[in-house]
């Protein structure tokens, strides 16, 4: 127990009651897609669009910030299409070095380059009959954009170092966190490829603009991680939920999932005491100041100031802060 601590009364009545803050509520989506949680109007509009375009062969571009779930939407489109029993092949164009990306996409023949000791099929060939998902297509070089345009329009390509034309039947879904229209204006993205991709655009709102989904996501992730790790985390306190709802979540759903994952894993009796302290201290305080602890292990946990500035645009909270938020009723 702390010998001294700054204590302030936390108001439990907020003016904005429009957001539902119960972490135990279950989503009531009109369309159910695997691992996609969304009760907000913005997500329901996305679900409606996914359902209407899934069974076509139209090219689709998914726009959204990093962590908004573009890959999940792409997979949902595939799994609700007539191609669902065929391959769904995903590649992150921004995560593979440029000199290797062409080979990953289109494959190569033996001897095409140093180290190519055997032929290799590319992602387009592996996706034949199904769907290829080109994640972060906005990071692709201009040279590769030309080859992607040909594959999109003519459904054919040559492997690196090869002369044989390979024809495939694939549906292309692309995604980007970039503003491709601006990239076109700045000369970083081909205009012809831009118009071929933007047949059906789907835009995913950032989590900070659909905060009514947060309680449902939180409940979903807790249930998911509890089962996997044999834990019994039931939810968060009202005070903790108020903070979570106000946090801007610049990393979107991926960041929320990571925070829940960490808290479930590190939960222990130490954090029971830290939670109690968190609910007593002023949420508006930029720092949780160091206090004198009887327990040396607790003192060590807060030996450095745990920083969290409400609504700050820079500086993500330390993982220890998120451990403070969870309800003292929860047991490891």
C-alpha atoms as a PDB file:
ATOM      1  CA  UNK A   1       0.000   0.000   0.000  1.00  0.00           C
ATOM      2  CA  UNK A   2       1.348   3.466  -0.774  1.00  0.00           C
ATOM      3  CA  UNK A   3       2.257   5.718   2.125  1.00  0.00           C
ATOM      4  CA  UNK A   4       1.037   8.716   0.214  1.00  0.00           C
ATOM      5  CA  UNK A   5      -0.624   9.271  -3.109  1.00  0.00           C
ATOM      6  CA  UNK A   6      -2.406  12.044  -4.884  1.00  0.00           C
ATOM      7  CA  UNK A   7      -6.108  11.300  -4.781  1.00  0.00           C
ATOM      8  CA  UNK A   8      -8.866  13.089  -6.590  1.00  0.00           C
ATOM      9  CA  UNK A   9     -12.479  12.233  -7.070  1.00  0.00           C
ATOM     10  CA  UNK A  10     -13.162  10.913 -10.534  1.00  0.00           C
ATOM     11  CA  UNK A  11     -16.459  11.911 -11.968  1.00  0.00           C
ATOM     12  CA  UNK A  12     -18.405   8.940 -13.217  1.00  0.00           C
ATOM     13  CA  UNK A  13     -20.923  11.016 -15.081  1.00  0.00           C
ATOM     14  CA  UNK A  14     -19.670  12.250 -18.425  1.00  0.00           C
ATOM     15  CA  UNK A  15     -21.635  14.615 -20.631  1.00  0.00           C
ATOM     16  CA  UNK A  16     -21.153  12.384 -23.615  1.00  0.00           C
ATOM     17  CA  UNK A  17     -23.207   9.277 -23.023  1.00  0.00           C
ATOM     18  CA  UNK A  18     -23.685   8.515 -26.694  1.00  0.00           C
ATOM     19  CA  UNK A  19     -20.882   5.953 -26.732  1.00  0.00           C
ATOM     20  CA  UNK A  20     -21.727   2.603 -25.173  1.00  0.00           C
ATOM     21  CA  UNK A  21     -19.027   1.761 -22.657  1.00  0.00           C
ATOM     22  CA  UNK A  22     -19.960  -1.752 -21.571  1.00  0.00           C
ATOM     23  CA  UNK A  23     -17.098  -4.103 -22.428  1.00  0.00           C
ATOM     24  CA  UNK A  24     -19.339  -7.145 -22.093  1.00  0.00           C
ATOM     25  CA  UNK A  25     -21.792  -6.290 -24.848  1.00  0.00           C
ATOM     26  CA  UNK A  26     -22.008  -8.527 -27.864  1.00  0.00           C
ATOM     27  CA  UNK A  27     -21.945  -7.082 -31.379  1.00  0.00           C
ATOM     28  CA  UNK A  28     -25.165  -7.263 -33.359  1.00  0.00           C
ATOM     29  CA  UNK A  29     -23.844  -6.948 -36.903  1.00  0.00           C
ATOM     30  CA  UNK A  30     -26.292  -7.264 -39.757  1.00  0.00           C
ATOM     31  CA  UNK A  31     -23.593  -9.172 -41.631  1.00  0.00           C
ATOM     32  CA  UNK A  32     -21.269 -11.510 -39.778  1.00  0.00           C
ATOM     33  CA  UNK A  33     -17.736 -11.798 -41.102  1.00  0.00           C
ATOM     34  CA  UNK A  34     -15.056 -13.798 -39.350  1.00  0.00           C
ATOM     35  CA  UNK A  35     -13.023 -11.781 -36.803  1.00  0.00           C
ATOM     36  CA  UNK A  36     -14.507  -8.459 -37.962  1.00  0.00           C
ATOM     37  CA  UNK A  37     -16.303  -6.588 -35.191  1.00  0.00           C
ATOM     38  CA  UNK A  38     -18.323  -3.484 -35.914  1.00  0.00           C
ATOM     39  CA  UNK A  39     -21.530  -2.014 -34.522  1.00  0.00           C
ATOM     40  CA  UNK A  40     -20.998   1.548 -35.761  1.00  0.00           C
ATOM     41  CA  UNK A  41     -22.791   2.939 -38.787  1.00  0.00           C
ATOM     42  CA  UNK A  42     -19.450   3.326 -40.580  1.00  0.00           C
ATOM     43  CA  UNK A  43     -18.674  -0.388 -40.249  1.00  0.00           C
ATOM     44  CA  UNK A  44     -22.208  -1.439 -41.124  1.00  0.00           C
ATOM     45  CA  UNK A  45     -21.850   0.510 -44.372  1.00  0.00           C
ATOM     46  CA  UNK A  46     -18.635  -1.394 -45.071  1.00  0.00           C
ATOM     47  CA  UNK A  47     -20.357  -4.717 -44.362  1.00  0.00           C
ATOM     48  CA  UNK A  48     -23.176  -3.831 -46.739  1.00  0.00           C
ATOM     49  CA  UNK A  49     -20.678  -2.962 -49.464  1.00  0.00           C
ATOM     50  CA  UNK A  50     -18.644  -6.130 -48.911  1.00  0.00           C
ATOM     51  CA  UNK A  51     -21.765  -8.233 -49.232  1.00  0.00           C
ATOM     52  CA  UNK A  52     -22.847  -6.494 -52.449  1.00  0.00           C
ATOM     53  CA  UNK A  53     -19.481  -6.712 -54.250  1.00  0.00           C
ATOM     54  CA  UNK A  54     -18.106 -10.003 -52.945  1.00  0.00           C
ATOM     55  CA  UNK A  55     -19.488 -12.228 -55.669  1.00  0.00           C
ATOM     56  CA  UNK A  56     -18.325 -10.081 -58.569  1.00  0.00           C
ATOM     57  CA  UNK A  57     -14.920 -10.041 -60.233  1.00  0.00           C
ATOM     58  CA  UNK A  58     -14.484  -6.291 -59.923  1.00  0.00           C
ATOM     59  CA  UNK A  59     -11.138  -4.980 -58.759  1.00  0.00           C
ATOM     60  CA  UNK A  60     -11.340  -3.508 -55.261  1.00  0.00           C
ATOM     61  CA  UNK A  61      -9.123  -0.993 -53.474  1.00  0.00           C
ATOM     62  CA  UNK A  62      -9.329  -0.780 -49.683  1.00  0.00           C
ATOM     63  CA  UNK A  63      -8.238   2.514 -48.140  1.00  0.00           C
ATOM     64  CA  UNK A  64      -7.460   2.972 -44.485  1.00  0.00           C
ATOM     65  CA  UNK A  65      -4.841   3.779 -41.911  1.00  0.00           C
ATOM     66  CA  UNK A  66      -2.471   1.110 -40.676  1.00  0.00           C
ATOM     67  CA  UNK A  67      -4.218  -1.238 -38.268  1.00  0.00           C
ATOM     68  CA  UNK A  68      -7.802  -0.657 -39.422  1.00  0.00           C
ATOM     69  CA  UNK A  69      -8.291  -4.231 -40.679  1.00  0.00           C
ATOM     70  CA  UNK A  70      -7.815  -3.965 -44.435  1.00  0.00           C
ATOM     71  CA  UNK A  71      -6.570  -7.549 -44.635  1.00  0.00           C
ATOM     72  CA  UNK A  72      -9.630  -8.860 -42.799  1.00  0.00           C
ATOM     73  CA  UNK A  73     -11.958  -7.065 -45.189  1.00  0.00           C
ATOM     74  CA  UNK A  74     -10.062  -8.450 -48.187  1.00  0.00           C
ATOM     75  CA  UNK A  75     -10.377 -11.981 -46.829  1.00  0.00           C
ATOM     76  CA  UNK A  76     -14.079 -11.454 -46.082  1.00  0.00           C
ATOM     77  CA  UNK A  77     -14.652 -10.443 -49.703  1.00  0.00           C
ATOM     78  CA  UNK A  78     -12.886 -13.586 -50.915  1.00  0.00           C
ATOM     79  CA  UNK A  79     -14.682 -15.919 -48.491  1.00  0.00           C
ATOM     80  CA  UNK A  80     -18.074 -14.580 -49.563  1.00  0.00           C
ATOM     81  CA  UNK A  81     -17.358 -14.910 -53.287  1.00  0.00           C
ATOM     82  CA  UNK A  82     -17.706 -17.828 -55.671  1.00  0.00           C
ATOM     83  CA  UNK A  83     -13.885 -18.115 -55.468  1.00  0.00           C
ATOM     84  CA  UNK A  84     -13.992 -18.980 -51.756  1.00  0.00           C
ATOM     85  CA  UNK A  85     -12.795 -22.564 -52.314  1.00  0.00           C
ATOM     86  CA  UNK A  86      -9.804 -21.354 -54.295  1.00  0.00           C
ATOM     87  CA  UNK A  87      -6.607 -19.788 -52.903  1.00  0.00           C
ATOM     88  CA  UNK A  88      -6.490 -16.457 -51.110  1.00  0.00           C
ATOM     89  CA  UNK A  89      -2.912 -15.231 -51.499  1.00  0.00           C
ATOM     90  CA  UNK A  90      -1.697 -12.168 -49.628  1.00  0.00           C
ATOM     91  CA  UNK A  91       1.510 -10.182 -50.103  1.00  0.00           C
ATOM     92  CA  UNK A  92       2.658  -6.997 -48.395  1.00  0.00           C
ATOM     93  CA  UNK A  93       4.261  -4.946 -51.156  1.00  0.00           C
ATOM     94  CA  UNK A  94       5.816  -2.567 -48.646  1.00  0.00           C
ATOM     95  CA  UNK A  95       7.527  -5.250 -46.566  1.00  0.00           C
ATOM     96  CA  UNK A  96       9.579  -6.906 -49.321  1.00  0.00           C
ATOM     97  CA  UNK A  97      12.718  -5.307 -50.813  1.00  0.00           C
ATOM     98  CA  UNK A  98      12.126  -3.942 -54.302  1.00  0.00           C
ATOM     99  CA  UNK A  99      14.724  -6.243 -55.894  1.00  0.00           C
ATOM    100  CA  UNK A 100      12.847  -9.297 -54.552  1.00  0.00           C
ATOM    101  CA  UNK A 101       9.246  -8.159 -54.937  1.00  0.00           C
ATOM    102  CA  UNK A 102       8.979  -8.906 -58.665  1.00  0.00           C
ATOM    103  CA  UNK A 103      10.104 -12.482 -58.079  1.00  0.00           C
ATOM    104  CA  UNK A 104       7.650 -12.857 -55.209  1.00  0.00           C
ATOM    105  CA  UNK A 105       4.799 -11.600 -57.367  1.00  0.00           C
ATOM    106  CA  UNK A 106       5.542 -13.305 -60.673  1.00  0.00           C
ATOM    107  CA  UNK A 107       8.040 -16.043 -59.832  1.00  0.00           C
ATOM    108  CA  UNK A 108      11.362 -16.767 -61.511  1.00  0.00           C
ATOM    109  CA  UNK A 109      13.093 -19.392 -63.614  1.00  0.00           C
ATOM    110  CA  UNK A 110      16.238 -21.211 -62.616  1.00  0.00           C
ATOM    111  CA  UNK A 111      19.313 -19.025 -63.041  1.00  0.00           C
ATOM    112  CA  UNK A 112      17.306 -15.797 -63.304  1.00  0.00           C
ATOM    113  CA  UNK A 113      19.601 -14.190 -60.752  1.00  0.00           C
ATOM    114  CA  UNK A 114      22.266 -15.138 -58.242  1.00  0.00           C
ATOM    115  CA  UNK A 115      20.800 -17.630 -55.820  1.00  0.00           C
ATOM    116  CA  UNK A 116      17.939 -18.718 -58.111  1.00  0.00           C
ATOM    117  CA  UNK A 117      18.980 -22.371 -58.063  1.00  0.00           C
ATOM    118  CA  UNK A 118      15.480 -23.640 -58.833  1.00  0.00           C
ATOM    119  CA  UNK A 119      12.321 -22.278 -60.457  1.00  0.00           C
ATOM    120  CA  UNK A 120       9.725 -20.677 -58.217  1.00  0.00           C
ATOM    121  CA  UNK A 121       6.054 -19.886 -58.776  1.00  0.00           C
ATOM    122  CA  UNK A 122       4.990 -16.366 -57.854  1.00  0.00           C
ATOM    123  CA  UNK A 123       1.971 -15.192 -55.885  1.00  0.00           C
ATOM    124  CA  UNK A 124      -0.086 -14.531 -59.021  1.00  0.00           C
ATOM    125  CA  UNK A 125       0.401 -18.084 -60.219  1.00  0.00           C
ATOM    126  CA  UNK A 126      -0.333 -19.521 -56.769  1.00  0.00           C
ATOM    127  CA  UNK A 127      -3.556 -17.497 -56.632  1.00  0.00           C
ATOM    128  CA  UNK A 128      -4.868 -18.853 -59.963  1.00  0.00           C
ATOM    129  CA  UNK A 129      -8.623 -19.297 -59.709  1.00  0.00           C
ATOM    130  CA  UNK A 130      -8.772 -17.357 -56.471  1.00  0.00           C
ATOM    131  CA  UNK A 131      -7.904 -13.934 -55.097  1.00  0.00           C
ATOM    132  CA  UNK A 132      -4.619 -12.086 -54.713  1.00  0.00           C
ATOM    133  CA  UNK A 133      -4.459  -9.362 -52.096  1.00  0.00           C
ATOM    134  CA  UNK A 134      -1.818  -6.707 -52.785  1.00  0.00           C
ATOM    135  CA  UNK A 135      -1.396  -4.972 -49.448  1.00  0.00           C
ATOM    136  CA  UNK A 136       0.297  -1.543 -49.397  1.00  0.00           C
ATOM    137  CA  UNK A 137       0.313  -1.274 -53.164  1.00  0.00           C
ATOM    138  CA  UNK A 138       1.081   2.420 -52.789  1.00  0.00           C
ATOM    139  CA  UNK A 139       4.634   1.492 -51.756  1.00  0.00           C
ATOM    140  CA  UNK A 140       5.339  -0.256 -55.061  1.00  0.00           C
ATOM    141  CA  UNK A 141       7.949   1.106 -57.469  1.00  0.00           C
ATOM    142  CA  UNK A 142       6.978   2.638 -60.817  1.00  0.00           C
ATOM    143  CA  UNK A 143       8.531  -0.258 -62.775  1.00  0.00           C
ATOM    144  CA  UNK A 144       6.491  -2.839 -60.924  1.00  0.00           C
ATOM    145  CA  UNK A 145       3.355  -0.746 -61.272  1.00  0.00           C
ATOM    146  CA  UNK A 146       3.619  -1.242 -65.046  1.00  0.00           C
ATOM    147  CA  UNK A 147       3.759  -5.020 -64.641  1.00  0.00           C
ATOM    148  CA  UNK A 148       0.896  -5.048 -62.178  1.00  0.00           C
ATOM    149  CA  UNK A 149      -1.168  -3.007 -64.636  1.00  0.00           C
ATOM    150  CA  UNK A 150      -0.581  -5.601 -67.348  1.00  0.00           C
ATOM    151  CA  UNK A 151      -1.436  -8.479 -65.008  1.00  0.00           C
ATOM    152  CA  UNK A 152      -4.611  -6.661 -64.004  1.00  0.00           C
ATOM    153  CA  UNK A 153      -5.731  -5.841 -67.537  1.00  0.00           C
ATOM    154  CA  UNK A 154      -4.560  -8.898 -69.480  1.00  0.00           C
ATOM    155  CA  UNK A 155      -4.294 -11.520 -66.731  1.00  0.00           C
ATOM    156  CA  UNK A 156      -0.866 -12.554 -67.955  1.00  0.00           C
ATOM    157  CA  UNK A 157       2.818 -12.083 -67.127  1.00  0.00           C
ATOM    158  CA  UNK A 158       6.296 -13.550 -67.522  1.00  0.00           C
ATOM    159  CA  UNK A 159       8.439 -14.863 -64.708  1.00  0.00           C
ATOM    160  CA  UNK A 160      11.694 -13.103 -63.891  1.00  0.00           C
ATOM    161  CA  UNK A 161      14.249 -14.373 -66.389  1.00  0.00           C
ATOM    162  CA  UNK A 162      11.622 -16.246 -68.387  1.00  0.00           C
ATOM    163  CA  UNK A 163      10.065 -15.757 -71.816  1.00  0.00           C
ATOM    164  CA  UNK A 164       6.974 -17.931 -71.495  1.00  0.00           C
ATOM    165  CA  UNK A 165       3.739 -16.021 -70.952  1.00  0.00           C
ATOM    166  CA  UNK A 166       1.682 -17.361 -68.074  1.00  0.00           C
ATOM    167  CA  UNK A 167      -2.060 -16.702 -68.003  1.00  0.00           C
ATOM    168  CA  UNK A 168      -4.012 -16.690 -64.760  1.00  0.00           C
ATOM    169  CA  UNK A 169      -7.571 -16.165 -63.602  1.00  0.00           C
ATOM    170  CA  UNK A 170      -7.339 -14.091 -60.444  1.00  0.00           C
ATOM    171  CA  UNK A 171      -9.332 -11.408 -58.729  1.00  0.00           C
ATOM    172  CA  UNK A 172      -7.204  -8.506 -57.519  1.00  0.00           C
ATOM    173  CA  UNK A 173      -7.875  -6.731 -54.256  1.00  0.00           C
ATOM    174  CA  UNK A 174      -5.428  -4.002 -53.284  1.00  0.00           C
ATOM    175  CA  UNK A 175      -5.017  -1.892 -50.164  1.00  0.00           C
ATOM    176  CA  UNK A 176      -3.073   1.158 -49.086  1.00  0.00           C
ATOM    177  CA  UNK A 177      -2.731   3.588 -46.213  1.00  0.00           C
ATOM    178  CA  UNK A 178      -1.597   6.286 -48.639  1.00  0.00           C
ATOM    179  CA  UNK A 179      -3.676   8.914 -50.433  1.00  0.00           C
ATOM    180  CA  UNK A 180      -3.185   7.492 -53.932  1.00  0.00           C
ATOM    181  CA  UNK A 181      -4.877  10.455 -55.595  1.00  0.00           C
ATOM    182  CA  UNK A 182      -2.231  12.709 -54.095  1.00  0.00           C
ATOM    183  CA  UNK A 183       0.470  10.185 -55.028  1.00  0.00           C
ATOM    184  CA  UNK A 184      -0.712  10.406 -58.642  1.00  0.00           C
ATOM    185  CA  UNK A 185      -0.573  14.207 -58.558  1.00  0.00           C
ATOM    186  CA  UNK A 186       2.954  14.067 -57.151  1.00  0.00           C
ATOM    187  CA  UNK A 187       4.079  11.584 -59.805  1.00  0.00           C
ATOM    188  CA  UNK A 188       4.625   8.671 -57.427  1.00  0.00           C
ATOM    189  CA  UNK A 189       1.798   6.468 -58.692  1.00  0.00           C
ATOM    190  CA  UNK A 190       0.653   5.741 -62.231  1.00  0.00           C
ATOM    191  CA  UNK A 191      -2.619   7.388 -63.184  1.00  0.00           C
ATOM    192  CA  UNK A 192      -3.704   4.490 -65.426  1.00  0.00           C
ATOM    193  CA  UNK A 193      -3.148   1.977 -62.623  1.00  0.00           C
ATOM    194  CA  UNK A 194      -4.980   4.266 -60.212  1.00  0.00           C
ATOM    195  CA  UNK A 195      -8.131   4.222 -62.361  1.00  0.00           C
ATOM    196  CA  UNK A 196      -7.919   0.465 -62.918  1.00  0.00           C
ATOM    197  CA  UNK A 197      -7.754  -0.107 -59.169  1.00  0.00           C
ATOM    198  CA  UNK A 198     -10.468   2.353 -58.181  1.00  0.00           C
ATOM    199  CA  UNK A 199     -13.340   0.365 -59.646  1.00  0.00           C
ATOM    200  CA  UNK A 200     -14.850  -0.232 -56.218  1.00  0.00           C
ATOM    201  CA  UNK A 201     -13.189   1.689 -53.369  1.00  0.00           C
ATOM    202  CA  UNK A 202     -13.832   0.702 -49.758  1.00  0.00           C
ATOM    203  CA  UNK A 203     -12.739   3.113 -47.034  1.00  0.00           C
ATOM    204  CA  UNK A 204     -12.189   1.974 -43.457  1.00  0.00           C
ATOM    205  CA  UNK A 205     -12.588   4.657 -40.826  1.00  0.00           C
ATOM    206  CA  UNK A 206      -9.923   4.950 -38.122  1.00  0.00           C
ATOM    207  CA  UNK A 207     -10.936   3.645 -34.701  1.00  0.00           C
ATOM    208  CA  UNK A 208     -11.020   7.170 -33.225  1.00  0.00           C
ATOM    209  CA  UNK A 209     -13.888   7.961 -35.626  1.00  0.00           C
ATOM    210  CA  UNK A 210     -15.939   4.902 -34.716  1.00  0.00           C
ATOM    211  CA  UNK A 211     -15.438   4.719 -30.979  1.00  0.00           C
ATOM    212  CA  UNK A 212     -18.758   3.006 -30.383  1.00  0.00           C
ATOM    213  CA  UNK A 213     -17.027  -0.150 -31.669  1.00  0.00           C
ATOM    214  CA  UNK A 214     -14.362  -0.090 -28.938  1.00  0.00           C
ATOM    215  CA  UNK A 215     -16.375  -1.882 -26.188  1.00  0.00           C
ATOM    216  CA  UNK A 216     -17.301  -4.641 -28.633  1.00  0.00           C
ATOM    217  CA  UNK A 217     -13.716  -5.024 -29.853  1.00  0.00           C
ATOM    218  CA  UNK A 218     -12.452  -5.061 -26.278  1.00  0.00           C
ATOM    219  CA  UNK A 219     -14.917  -7.787 -25.317  1.00  0.00           C
ATOM    220  CA  UNK A 220     -14.014  -9.817 -28.415  1.00  0.00           C
ATOM    221  CA  UNK A 221     -10.264  -9.618 -27.800  1.00  0.00           C
ATOM    222  CA  UNK A 222     -10.608 -10.428 -24.100  1.00  0.00           C
ATOM    223  CA  UNK A 223     -12.695 -13.507 -24.842  1.00  0.00           C
ATOM    224  CA  UNK A 224     -10.266 -14.558 -27.554  1.00  0.00           C
ATOM    225  CA  UNK A 225      -7.146 -14.167 -25.417  1.00  0.00           C
ATOM    226  CA  UNK A 226      -8.723 -15.655 -22.291  1.00  0.00           C
ATOM    227  CA  UNK A 227      -9.419 -18.889 -24.151  1.00  0.00           C
ATOM    228  CA  UNK A 228      -5.944 -19.021 -25.612  1.00  0.00           C
ATOM    229  CA  UNK A 229      -4.121 -18.263 -22.349  1.00  0.00           C
ATOM    230  CA  UNK A 230      -6.494 -19.843 -19.783  1.00  0.00           C
ATOM    231  CA  UNK A 231      -7.197 -16.480 -18.128  1.00  0.00           C
ATOM    232  CA  UNK A 232     -10.328 -15.049 -16.533  1.00  0.00           C
ATOM    233  CA  UNK A 233     -10.260 -11.364 -17.458  1.00  0.00           C
ATOM    234  CA  UNK A 234     -13.909 -10.260 -17.435  1.00  0.00           C
ATOM    235  CA  UNK A 235     -13.761  -6.636 -18.464  1.00  0.00           C
ATOM    236  CA  UNK A 236     -12.627  -3.202 -17.382  1.00  0.00           C
ATOM    237  CA  UNK A 237     -13.893  -0.758 -14.819  1.00  0.00           C
ATOM    238  CA  UNK A 238     -16.091   2.182 -15.791  1.00  0.00           C
ATOM    239  CA  UNK A 239     -13.232   4.583 -15.059  1.00  0.00           C
ATOM    240  CA  UNK A 240     -10.853   2.581 -17.219  1.00  0.00           C
ATOM    241  CA  UNK A 241     -13.367   2.451 -20.069  1.00  0.00           C
ATOM    242  CA  UNK A 242     -13.706   6.241 -19.981  1.00  0.00           C
ATOM    243  CA  UNK A 243      -9.964   6.572 -20.532  1.00  0.00           C
ATOM    244  CA  UNK A 244      -9.933   3.940 -23.261  1.00  0.00           C
ATOM    245  CA  UNK A 245     -12.786   5.700 -25.059  1.00  0.00           C
ATOM    246  CA  UNK A 246     -10.953   9.036 -24.930  1.00  0.00           C
ATOM    247  CA  UNK A 247      -7.600   7.724 -26.119  1.00  0.00           C
ATOM    248  CA  UNK A 248      -7.027   8.535 -29.841  1.00  0.00           C
ATOM    249  CA  UNK A 249      -5.810   5.029 -30.855  1.00  0.00           C
ATOM    250  CA  UNK A 250      -3.451   6.141 -33.606  1.00  0.00           C
ATOM    251  CA  UNK A 251      -2.556   2.480 -34.180  1.00  0.00           C
ATOM    252  CA  UNK A 252      -6.271   1.665 -34.579  1.00  0.00           C
ATOM    253  CA  UNK A 253      -7.673  -1.827 -33.956  1.00  0.00           C
ATOM    254  CA  UNK A 254      -4.215  -3.409 -34.120  1.00  0.00           C
ATOM    255  CA  UNK A 255      -3.020  -1.223 -31.259  1.00  0.00           C
ATOM    256  CA  UNK A 256      -6.094  -2.008 -29.133  1.00  0.00           C
ATOM    257  CA  UNK A 257      -5.590  -5.736 -29.731  1.00  0.00           C
ATOM    258  CA  UNK A 258      -1.936  -5.486 -28.763  1.00  0.00           C
ATOM    259  CA  UNK A 259      -2.756  -3.637 -25.537  1.00  0.00           C
ATOM    260  CA  UNK A 260      -5.329  -6.252 -24.512  1.00  0.00           C
ATOM    261  CA  UNK A 261      -2.893  -9.053 -25.372  1.00  0.00           C
ATOM    262  CA  UNK A 262      -0.153  -7.560 -23.200  1.00  0.00           C
ATOM    263  CA  UNK A 263      -2.432  -6.966 -20.227  1.00  0.00           C
ATOM    264  CA  UNK A 264      -3.833 -10.507 -20.328  1.00  0.00           C
ATOM    265  CA  UNK A 265      -0.322 -11.955 -20.402  1.00  0.00           C
ATOM    266  CA  UNK A 266       1.254  -9.851 -17.645  1.00  0.00           C
ATOM    267  CA  UNK A 267      -1.712  -9.828 -15.269  1.00  0.00           C
ATOM    268  CA  UNK A 268      -0.649 -10.620 -11.703  1.00  0.00           C
ATOM    269  CA  UNK A 269      -1.385  -9.589  -8.119  1.00  0.00           C
ATOM    270  CA  UNK A 270       0.990  -6.643  -8.525  1.00  0.00           C
ATOM    271  CA  UNK A 271      -1.327  -5.154 -11.128  1.00  0.00           C
ATOM    272  CA  UNK A 272      -4.311  -5.609  -8.845  1.00  0.00           C
ATOM    273  CA  UNK A 273      -2.733  -2.960  -6.609  1.00  0.00           C
ATOM    274  CA  UNK A 274      -1.721  -0.778  -9.555  1.00  0.00           C
ATOM    275  CA  UNK A 275      -5.303  -0.856 -10.838  1.00  0.00           C
ATOM    276  CA  UNK A 276      -6.596   0.354  -7.492  1.00  0.00           C
ATOM    277  CA  UNK A 277      -4.169   3.260  -7.602  1.00  0.00           C
ATOM    278  CA  UNK A 278      -5.104   4.142 -11.188  1.00  0.00           C
ATOM    279  CA  UNK A 279      -8.794   4.477 -10.369  1.00  0.00           C
ATOM    280  CA  UNK A 280      -7.997   6.825  -7.475  1.00  0.00           C
ATOM    281  CA  UNK A 281      -5.656   9.139  -9.318  1.00  0.00           C
ATOM    282  CA  UNK A 282      -6.731  11.945 -11.616  1.00  0.00           C
ATOM    283  CA  UNK A 283      -7.046  10.710 -15.225  1.00  0.00           C
ATOM    284  CA  UNK A 284      -6.192  14.155 -16.528  1.00  0.00           C
ATOM    285  CA  UNK A 285      -2.737  14.066 -14.914  1.00  0.00           C
ATOM    286  CA  UNK A 286      -0.017  13.827 -17.523  1.00  0.00           C
ATOM    287  CA  UNK A 287       2.212  11.733 -15.281  1.00  0.00           C
ATOM    288  CA  UNK A 288       1.600   9.112 -12.654  1.00  0.00           C
ATOM    289  CA  UNK A 289       4.123  10.522 -10.181  1.00  0.00           C
ATOM    290  CA  UNK A 290       6.346   8.195  -8.215  1.00  0.00           C
ATOM    291  CA  UNK A 291       5.092   7.406  -4.751  1.00  0.00           C
ATOM    292  CA  UNK A 292       6.610   5.644  -1.764  1.00  0.00           C
ATOM    293  CA  UNK A 293       5.697   1.973  -1.722  1.00  0.00           C
ATOM    294  CA  UNK A 294       6.038  -0.532   1.108  1.00  0.00           C
ATOM    295  CA  UNK A 295       6.446  -3.277  -1.478  1.00  0.00           C
ATOM    296  CA  UNK A 296       9.774  -2.945  -3.306  1.00  0.00           C
ATOM    297  CA  UNK A 297       8.446  -4.843  -6.344  1.00  0.00           C
ATOM    298  CA  UNK A 298       5.616  -2.347  -6.721  1.00  0.00           C
ATOM    299  CA  UNK A 299       8.023   0.551  -6.298  1.00  0.00           C
ATOM    300  CA  UNK A 300      10.172  -0.867  -9.094  1.00  0.00           C
ATOM    301  CA  UNK A 301       7.149  -1.092 -11.392  1.00  0.00           C
ATOM    302  CA  UNK A 302       6.594   2.647 -11.060  1.00  0.00           C
ATOM    303  CA  UNK A 303      10.235   3.671 -10.678  1.00  0.00           C
ATOM    304  CA  UNK A 304      10.035   5.468 -13.983  1.00  0.00           C
ATOM    305  CA  UNK A 305       7.105   7.790 -14.540  1.00  0.00           C
ATOM    306  CA  UNK A 306       4.385   6.119 -16.540  1.00  0.00           C
ATOM    307  CA  UNK A 307       3.499   8.733 -19.106  1.00  0.00           C
ATOM    308  CA  UNK A 308       0.125   9.154 -20.687  1.00  0.00           C
ATOM    309  CA  UNK A 309      -1.176  12.473 -21.898  1.00  0.00           C
ATOM    310  CA  UNK A 310      -4.921  12.412 -22.526  1.00  0.00           C
ATOM    311  CA  UNK A 311      -5.557  12.940 -26.221  1.00  0.00           C
ATOM    312  CA  UNK A 312      -1.881  13.533 -26.979  1.00  0.00           C
ATOM    313  CA  UNK A 313      -0.965  13.091 -30.602  1.00  0.00           C
ATOM    314  CA  UNK A 314       2.515  11.834 -29.866  1.00  0.00           C
ATOM    315  CA  UNK A 315       3.908   9.359 -27.382  1.00  0.00           C
ATOM    316  CA  UNK A 316       2.021   6.101 -26.936  1.00  0.00           C
ATOM    317  CA  UNK A 317       1.369   4.989 -23.356  1.00  0.00           C
ATOM    318  CA  UNK A 318       3.759   2.630 -21.680  1.00  0.00           C
ATOM    319  CA  UNK A 319       2.447  -0.935 -21.410  1.00  0.00           C
ATOM    320  CA  UNK A 320       2.402  -0.609 -17.629  1.00  0.00           C
ATOM    321  CA  UNK A 321      -0.191   2.126 -17.887  1.00  0.00           C
ATOM    322  CA  UNK A 322      -2.590  -0.211 -19.659  1.00  0.00           C
ATOM    323  CA  UNK A 323      -2.101  -2.774 -16.928  1.00  0.00           C
ATOM    324  CA  UNK A 324      -3.363  -0.121 -14.516  1.00  0.00           C
ATOM    325  CA  UNK A 325      -6.677   0.139 -16.311  1.00  0.00           C
ATOM    326  CA  UNK A 326      -8.071  -3.325 -15.771  1.00  0.00           C
ATOM    327  CA  UNK A 327     -10.701  -3.915 -13.144  1.00  0.00           C
ATOM    328  CA  UNK A 328      -9.518  -5.220  -9.785  1.00  0.00           C
ATOM    329  CA  UNK A 329     -12.239  -7.863  -9.956  1.00  0.00           C
ATOM    330  CA  UNK A 330     -10.315  -9.667 -12.685  1.00  0.00           C
ATOM    331  CA  UNK A 331      -8.112 -12.521 -11.611  1.00  0.00           C
ATOM    332  CA  UNK A 332      -5.048 -13.910 -13.364  1.00  0.00           C
END
